[in-house]
Amino acid sequence: MHEEQSYPSYPIAELIRNRRTVRSFRSDPVSHELLMELLDIANWAPTHGSREPWRYILYRGAARSAFAEAVMGAMSAEEKEKYAEQRLYDYGRTPLHLIVVMKEDPRQKQWDEDYGAVCCWIQNFQLAAWERGIGVVWKTNTYIYAPAFREAAGVRAGEKVVGVLHIGYPETVPVPRVRTSAALRLDIRE
């Protein structure tokens, strides 16, 4: 029997400011129960008309090598020579790879609303994960557009890959970067 780990509770503003994009993960597994809890929390993202346009494809355990092979299948020979060894190592070590997709609506307004909703879903997931000590990096590399990757990964026709989330306990946590003050980007009209 293991002890229940306690996690700090953050006010939302502090959680938002303290979240970091993690690119280096320990190989410790993330429990299925915790993952399901985080997915269910993320499902509370705002969604127009309650469409919930998101779907996710999870790679864990031995399937991580299939994810790596799907990525490798979308790379050029030059990219493979330059990146393959490191990517295979990183993808094999990272506990979870979650491909987040959305149904593409042919109506532009609904497509825009759905894309915004899925982006909100991803941010909810990242914040809920961070609160539980889990790091996430949201990737939109060019392989997500490659037919070879899409087919190998199980992305269906009529779906857009909004991002690939690499998920795990942080090996290192990056230092915060300075953010531009909103006052410098605000265009006030009176």
C-alpha atoms as a PDB file:
ATOM      1  CA  MET A   1       0.000   0.000   0.000  1.00  0.00           C
ATOM      2  CA  HIS A   2       1.380   3.415  -0.910  1.00  0.00           C
ATOM      3  CA  GLU A   3       0.690   6.699   0.770  1.00  0.00           C
ATOM      4  CA  GLU A   4      -1.486   9.243  -0.985  1.00  0.00           C
ATOM      5  CA  GLN A   5       0.769  12.044  -2.188  1.00  0.00           C
ATOM      6  CA  SER A   6      -0.429  15.522  -1.365  1.00  0.00           C
ATOM      7  CA  TYR A   7      -0.055  18.324  -3.863  1.00  0.00           C
ATOM      8  CA  PRO A   8       0.011  22.044  -3.190  1.00  0.00           C
ATOM      9  CA  SER A   9      -3.146  23.953  -3.918  1.00  0.00           C
ATOM     10  CA  TYR A  10      -2.554  27.147  -5.879  1.00  0.00           C
ATOM     11  CA  PRO A  11      -4.784  30.148  -6.458  1.00  0.00           C
ATOM     12  CA  ILE A  12      -5.485  30.133 -10.206  1.00  0.00           C
ATOM     13  CA  ALA A  13      -3.446  33.275 -10.951  1.00  0.00           C
ATOM     14  CA  GLU A  14      -0.399  31.765  -9.230  1.00  0.00           C
ATOM     15  CA  LEU A  15      -0.885  28.454 -11.043  1.00  0.00           C
ATOM     16  CA  ILE A  16      -1.038  30.256 -14.408  1.00  0.00           C
ATOM     17  CA  ARG A  17       2.094  32.306 -13.661  1.00  0.00           C
ATOM     18  CA  ASN A  18       4.077  29.342 -12.310  1.00  0.00           C
ATOM     19  CA  ARG A  19       3.269  26.756 -15.010  1.00  0.00           C
ATOM     20  CA  ARG A  20       6.247  25.907 -17.191  1.00  0.00           C
ATOM     21  CA  THR A  21       6.637  24.105 -20.474  1.00  0.00           C
ATOM     22  CA  VAL A  22       8.628  20.983 -19.635  1.00  0.00           C
ATOM     23  CA  ARG A  23      10.750  19.336 -22.305  1.00  0.00           C
ATOM     24  CA  SER A  24      12.790  16.957 -20.156  1.00  0.00           C
ATOM     25  CA  PHE A  25      10.954  14.182 -18.324  1.00  0.00           C
ATOM     26  CA  ARG A  26      11.825  11.514 -15.805  1.00  0.00           C
ATOM     27  CA  SER A  27      10.866   8.033 -16.942  1.00  0.00           C
ATOM     28  CA  ASP A  28       8.540   7.516 -13.925  1.00  0.00           C
ATOM     29  CA  PRO A  29       5.087   6.444 -15.139  1.00  0.00           C
ATOM     30  CA  VAL A  30       2.015   8.638 -14.753  1.00  0.00           C
ATOM     31  CA  SER A  31      -0.813   6.520 -13.372  1.00  0.00           C
ATOM     32  CA  HIS A  32      -3.837   5.830 -15.550  1.00  0.00           C
ATOM     33  CA  GLU A  33      -6.107   7.094 -12.757  1.00  0.00           C
ATOM     34  CA  LEU A  34      -4.285  10.425 -12.582  1.00  0.00           C
ATOM     35  CA  LEU A  35      -4.318  10.779 -16.365  1.00  0.00           C
ATOM     36  CA  MET A  36      -8.066  10.137 -16.483  1.00  0.00           C
ATOM     37  CA  GLU A  37      -8.615  12.702 -13.727  1.00  0.00           C
ATOM     38  CA  LEU A  38      -6.651  15.308 -15.707  1.00  0.00           C
ATOM     39  CA  LEU A  39      -8.511  14.503 -18.943  1.00  0.00           C
ATOM     40  CA  ASP A  40     -11.857  14.883 -17.178  1.00  0.00           C
ATOM     41  CA  ILE A  41     -10.797  18.214 -15.654  1.00  0.00           C
ATOM     42  CA  ALA A  42      -9.706  19.474 -19.082  1.00  0.00           C
ATOM     43  CA  ASN A  43     -13.122  18.528 -20.477  1.00  0.00           C
ATOM     44  CA  TRP A  44     -14.548  21.546 -18.626  1.00  0.00           C
ATOM     45  CA  ALA A  45     -13.065  23.815 -21.301  1.00  0.00           C
ATOM     46  CA  PRO A  46     -15.542  26.276 -22.785  1.00  0.00           C
ATOM     47  CA  THR A  47     -17.151  24.848 -25.896  1.00  0.00           C
ATOM     48  CA  HIS A  48     -19.688  26.562 -28.133  1.00  0.00           C
ATOM     49  CA  GLY A  49     -22.971  24.704 -28.274  1.00  0.00           C
ATOM     50  CA  SER A  50     -21.499  22.006 -26.003  1.00  0.00           C
ATOM     51  CA  ARG A  51     -19.932  20.458 -29.136  1.00  0.00           C
ATOM     52  CA  GLU A  52     -16.838  19.180 -27.277  1.00  0.00           C
ATOM     53  CA  PRO A  53     -14.944  18.842 -30.582  1.00  0.00           C
ATOM     54  CA  TRP A  54     -11.876  17.179 -29.055  1.00  0.00           C
ATOM     55  CA  ARG A  55     -10.629  13.629 -29.171  1.00  0.00           C
ATOM     56  CA  TYR A  56      -7.315  12.247 -27.979  1.00  0.00           C
ATOM     57  CA  ILE A  57      -5.039   9.379 -28.937  1.00  0.00           C
ATOM     58  CA  LEU A  58      -2.791   8.107 -26.134  1.00  0.00           C
ATOM     59  CA  TYR A  59       0.570   6.384 -26.502  1.00  0.00           C
ATOM     60  CA  ARG A  60       2.089   4.879 -23.355  1.00  0.00           C
ATOM     61  CA  GLY A  61       4.208   1.919 -22.362  1.00  0.00           C
ATOM     62  CA  ALA A  62       5.402  -0.173 -25.298  1.00  0.00           C
ATOM     63  CA  ALA A  63       3.249   1.870 -27.713  1.00  0.00           C
ATOM     64  CA  ARG A  64       5.641   4.812 -27.310  1.00  0.00           C
ATOM     65  CA  SER A  65       7.868   3.141 -29.891  1.00  0.00           C
ATOM     66  CA  ALA A  66       4.930   3.114 -32.346  1.00  0.00           C
ATOM     67  CA  PHE A  67       4.513   6.850 -31.749  1.00  0.00           C
ATOM     68  CA  ALA A  68       8.236   7.381 -32.394  1.00  0.00           C
ATOM     69  CA  GLU A  69       8.024   5.316 -35.586  1.00  0.00           C
ATOM     70  CA  ALA A  70       5.009   7.372 -36.763  1.00  0.00           C
ATOM     71  CA  VAL A  71       7.073  10.542 -36.287  1.00  0.00           C
ATOM     72  CA  MET A  72      10.119   9.000 -38.003  1.00  0.00           C
ATOM     73  CA  GLY A  73       7.923   7.965 -40.934  1.00  0.00           C
ATOM     74  CA  ALA A  74       7.090  11.615 -41.546  1.00  0.00           C
ATOM     75  CA  MET A  75      10.709  12.831 -41.502  1.00  0.00           C
ATOM     76  CA  SER A  76      12.921  13.408 -44.494  1.00  0.00           C
ATOM     77  CA  ALA A  77      16.187  11.461 -44.753  1.00  0.00           C
ATOM     78  CA  GLU A  78      18.067  14.599 -43.707  1.00  0.00           C
ATOM     79  CA  GLU A  79      15.834  15.128 -40.656  1.00  0.00           C
ATOM     80  CA  LYS A  80      16.235  11.479 -39.659  1.00  0.00           C
ATOM     81  CA  GLU A  81      20.006  11.749 -39.873  1.00  0.00           C
ATOM     82  CA  LYS A  82      19.986  14.898 -37.760  1.00  0.00           C
ATOM     83  CA  TYR A  83      17.246  14.125 -35.189  1.00  0.00           C
ATOM     84  CA  ALA A  84      16.252  10.437 -35.187  1.00  0.00           C
ATOM     85  CA  GLU A  85      18.572   9.143 -32.473  1.00  0.00           C
ATOM     86  CA  GLN A  86      17.687  11.879 -29.975  1.00  0.00           C
ATOM     87  CA  ARG A  87      13.956  11.759 -30.747  1.00  0.00           C
ATOM     88  CA  LEU A  88      13.837   7.973 -30.355  1.00  0.00           C
ATOM     89  CA  TYR A  89      15.551   8.305 -26.981  1.00  0.00           C
ATOM     90  CA  ASP A  90      13.292  11.176 -25.825  1.00  0.00           C
ATOM     91  CA  TYR A  91      10.052   9.582 -27.032  1.00  0.00           C
ATOM     92  CA  GLY A  92      10.975   6.261 -25.455  1.00  0.00           C
ATOM     93  CA  ARG A  93      11.688   7.913 -22.121  1.00  0.00           C
ATOM     94  CA  THR A  94       8.699  10.277 -21.990  1.00  0.00           C
ATOM     95  CA  PRO A  95       5.866   8.498 -20.131  1.00  0.00           C
ATOM     96  CA  LEU A  96       2.920   9.680 -22.243  1.00  0.00           C
ATOM     97  CA  HIS A  97       2.279  11.092 -25.702  1.00  0.00           C
ATOM     98  CA  LEU A  98      -1.220  12.461 -26.229  1.00  0.00           C
ATOM     99  CA  ILE A  99      -2.342  13.532 -29.691  1.00  0.00           C
ATOM    100  CA  VAL A 100      -5.199  16.020 -29.384  1.00  0.00           C
ATOM    101  CA  VAL A 101      -7.431  16.259 -32.443  1.00  0.00           C
ATOM    102  CA  MET A 102     -10.596  18.112 -33.364  1.00  0.00           C
ATOM    103  CA  LYS A 103     -13.378  17.383 -35.810  1.00  0.00           C
ATOM    104  CA  GLU A 104     -13.097  19.883 -38.647  1.00  0.00           C
ATOM    105  CA  ASP A 105     -16.364  21.658 -39.313  1.00  0.00           C
ATOM    106  CA  PRO A 106     -16.716  22.938 -42.898  1.00  0.00           C
ATOM    107  CA  ARG A 107     -18.350  26.120 -41.579  1.00  0.00           C
ATOM    108  CA  GLN A 108     -15.584  28.660 -40.802  1.00  0.00           C
ATOM    109  CA  LYS A 109     -17.257  30.191 -37.726  1.00  0.00           C
ATOM    110  CA  GLN A 110     -17.785  26.778 -36.112  1.00  0.00           C
ATOM    111  CA  TRP A 111     -14.252  25.678 -37.105  1.00  0.00           C
ATOM    112  CA  ASP A 112     -12.821  28.764 -35.381  1.00  0.00           C
ATOM    113  CA  GLU A 113     -14.973  28.182 -32.291  1.00  0.00           C
ATOM    114  CA  ASP A 114     -13.960  24.527 -32.139  1.00  0.00           C
ATOM    115  CA  TYR A 115     -10.254  25.296 -32.549  1.00  0.00           C
ATOM    116  CA  GLY A 116     -10.497  27.841 -29.732  1.00  0.00           C
ATOM    117  CA  ALA A 117     -12.286  25.290 -27.547  1.00  0.00           C
ATOM    118  CA  VAL A 118      -9.627  22.629 -28.121  1.00  0.00           C
ATOM    119  CA  CYS A 119      -6.870  25.144 -27.348  1.00  0.00           C
ATOM    120  CA  CYS A 120      -8.701  25.951 -24.101  1.00  0.00           C
ATOM    121  CA  TRP A 121      -8.924  22.202 -23.436  1.00  0.00           C
ATOM    122  CA  ILE A 122      -5.144  21.899 -23.832  1.00  0.00           C
ATOM    123  CA  GLN A 123      -4.512  24.829 -21.486  1.00  0.00           C
ATOM    124  CA  ASN A 124      -6.884  23.333 -18.907  1.00  0.00           C
ATOM    125  CA  PHE A 125      -4.998  20.053 -19.175  1.00  0.00           C
ATOM    126  CA  GLN A 126      -1.615  21.753 -18.773  1.00  0.00           C
ATOM    127  CA  LEU A 127      -2.740  23.693 -15.704  1.00  0.00           C
ATOM    128  CA  ALA A 128      -4.408  20.703 -14.035  1.00  0.00           C
ATOM    129  CA  ALA A 129      -1.297  18.602 -14.734  1.00  0.00           C
ATOM    130  CA  TRP A 130       1.048  21.268 -13.356  1.00  0.00           C
ATOM    131  CA  GLU A 131      -0.981  21.476 -10.173  1.00  0.00           C
ATOM    132  CA  ARG A 132      -0.353  17.726  -9.709  1.00  0.00           C
ATOM    133  CA  GLY A 133       3.380  17.946 -10.408  1.00  0.00           C
ATOM    134  CA  ILE A 134       3.133  16.786 -14.033  1.00  0.00           C
ATOM    135  CA  GLY A 135       4.921  18.629 -16.831  1.00  0.00           C
ATOM    136  CA  VAL A 136       3.635  19.047 -20.380  1.00  0.00           C
ATOM    137  CA  VAL A 137       4.996  20.376 -23.638  1.00  0.00           C
ATOM    138  CA  TRP A 138       2.496  21.213 -26.408  1.00  0.00           C
ATOM    139  CA  LYS A 139       4.078  20.528 -29.797  1.00  0.00           C
ATOM    140  CA  THR A 140       2.864  21.448 -33.279  1.00  0.00           C
ATOM    141  CA  ASN A 141       5.803  20.146 -35.316  1.00  0.00           C
ATOM    142  CA  THR A 142       5.408  19.764 -39.066  1.00  0.00           C
ATOM    143  CA  TYR A 143       5.027  15.976 -38.829  1.00  0.00           C
ATOM    144  CA  ILE A 144       1.435  16.485 -37.598  1.00  0.00           C
ATOM    145  CA  TYR A 145       0.497  17.466 -41.167  1.00  0.00           C
ATOM    146  CA  ALA A 146       2.186  14.497 -42.854  1.00  0.00           C
ATOM    147  CA  PRO A 147      -0.209  11.874 -44.223  1.00  0.00           C
ATOM    148  CA  ALA A 148       2.194   9.102 -43.118  1.00  0.00           C
ATOM    149  CA  PHE A 149       2.090  10.307 -39.500  1.00  0.00           C
ATOM    150  CA  ARG A 150      -1.650  10.892 -39.507  1.00  0.00           C
ATOM    151  CA  GLU A 151      -2.358   7.406 -40.846  1.00  0.00           C
ATOM    152  CA  ALA A 152       0.113   5.663 -38.518  1.00  0.00           C
ATOM    153  CA  ALA A 153      -1.163   7.602 -35.493  1.00  0.00           C
ATOM    154  CA  GLY A 154      -4.855   6.955 -36.117  1.00  0.00           C
ATOM    155  CA  VAL A 155      -5.879  10.500 -37.028  1.00  0.00           C
ATOM    156  CA  ARG A 156      -9.121  10.218 -39.005  1.00  0.00           C
ATOM    157  CA  ALA A 157     -10.142  11.979 -42.182  1.00  0.00           C
ATOM    158  CA  GLY A 158     -11.823  15.257 -41.292  1.00  0.00           C
ATOM    159  CA  GLU A 159      -9.728  15.756 -38.143  1.00  0.00           C
ATOM    160  CA  LYS A 160      -7.077  18.352 -37.385  1.00  0.00           C
ATOM    161  CA  VAL A 161      -4.201  17.634 -35.020  1.00  0.00           C
ATOM    162  CA  VAL A 162      -4.264  20.618 -32.671  1.00  0.00           C
ATOM    163  CA  GLY A 163      -1.199  19.423 -30.833  1.00  0.00           C
ATOM    164  CA  VAL A 164       0.852  16.596 -29.464  1.00  0.00           C
ATOM    165  CA  LEU A 165       1.311  16.728 -25.709  1.00  0.00           C
ATOM    166  CA  HIS A 166       4.375  15.055 -24.220  1.00  0.00           C
ATOM    167  CA  ILE A 167       3.581  14.388 -20.562  1.00  0.00           C
ATOM    168  CA  GLY A 168       5.532  13.295 -17.494  1.00  0.00           C
ATOM    169  CA  TYR A 169       7.170  14.245 -14.252  1.00  0.00           C
ATOM    170  CA  PRO A 170       9.734  16.999 -14.889  1.00  0.00           C
ATOM    171  CA  GLU A 171      13.403  16.108 -14.902  1.00  0.00           C
ATOM    172  CA  THR A 172      14.177  19.811 -15.025  1.00  0.00           C
ATOM    173  CA  VAL A 173      11.885  22.812 -14.738  1.00  0.00           C
ATOM    174  CA  PRO A 174      12.810  25.791 -16.900  1.00  0.00           C
ATOM    175  CA  VAL A 175      13.262  29.197 -15.334  1.00  0.00           C
ATOM    176  CA  PRO A 176      10.448  31.640 -16.059  1.00  0.00           C
ATOM    177  CA  ARG A 177      10.754  33.958 -19.012  1.00  0.00           C
ATOM    178  CA  VAL A 178       9.765  37.581 -18.765  1.00  0.00           C
ATOM    179  CA  ARG A 179       6.320  38.366 -20.156  1.00  0.00           C
ATOM    180  CA  THR A 180       5.405  41.597 -21.876  1.00  0.00           C
ATOM    181  CA  SER A 181       3.135  43.808 -19.829  1.00  0.00           C
ATOM    182  CA  ALA A 182      -0.405  43.979 -21.183  1.00  0.00           C
ATOM    183  CA  ALA A 183      -0.129  47.779 -21.066  1.00  0.00           C
ATOM    184  CA  LEU A 184       2.398  47.619 -23.923  1.00  0.00           C
ATOM    185  CA  ARG A 185       0.007  45.653 -26.145  1.00  0.00           C
ATOM    186  CA  LEU A 186      -3.225  47.410 -25.263  1.00  0.00           C
ATOM    187  CA  ASP A 187      -4.762  49.657 -27.891  1.00  0.00           C
ATOM    188  CA  ILE A 188      -7.374  51.747 -26.079  1.00  0.00           C
ATOM    189  CA  ARG A 189     -10.126  53.435 -28.069  1.00  0.00           C
ATOM    190  CA  GLU A 190     -12.237  56.041 -26.253  1.00  0.00           C
END
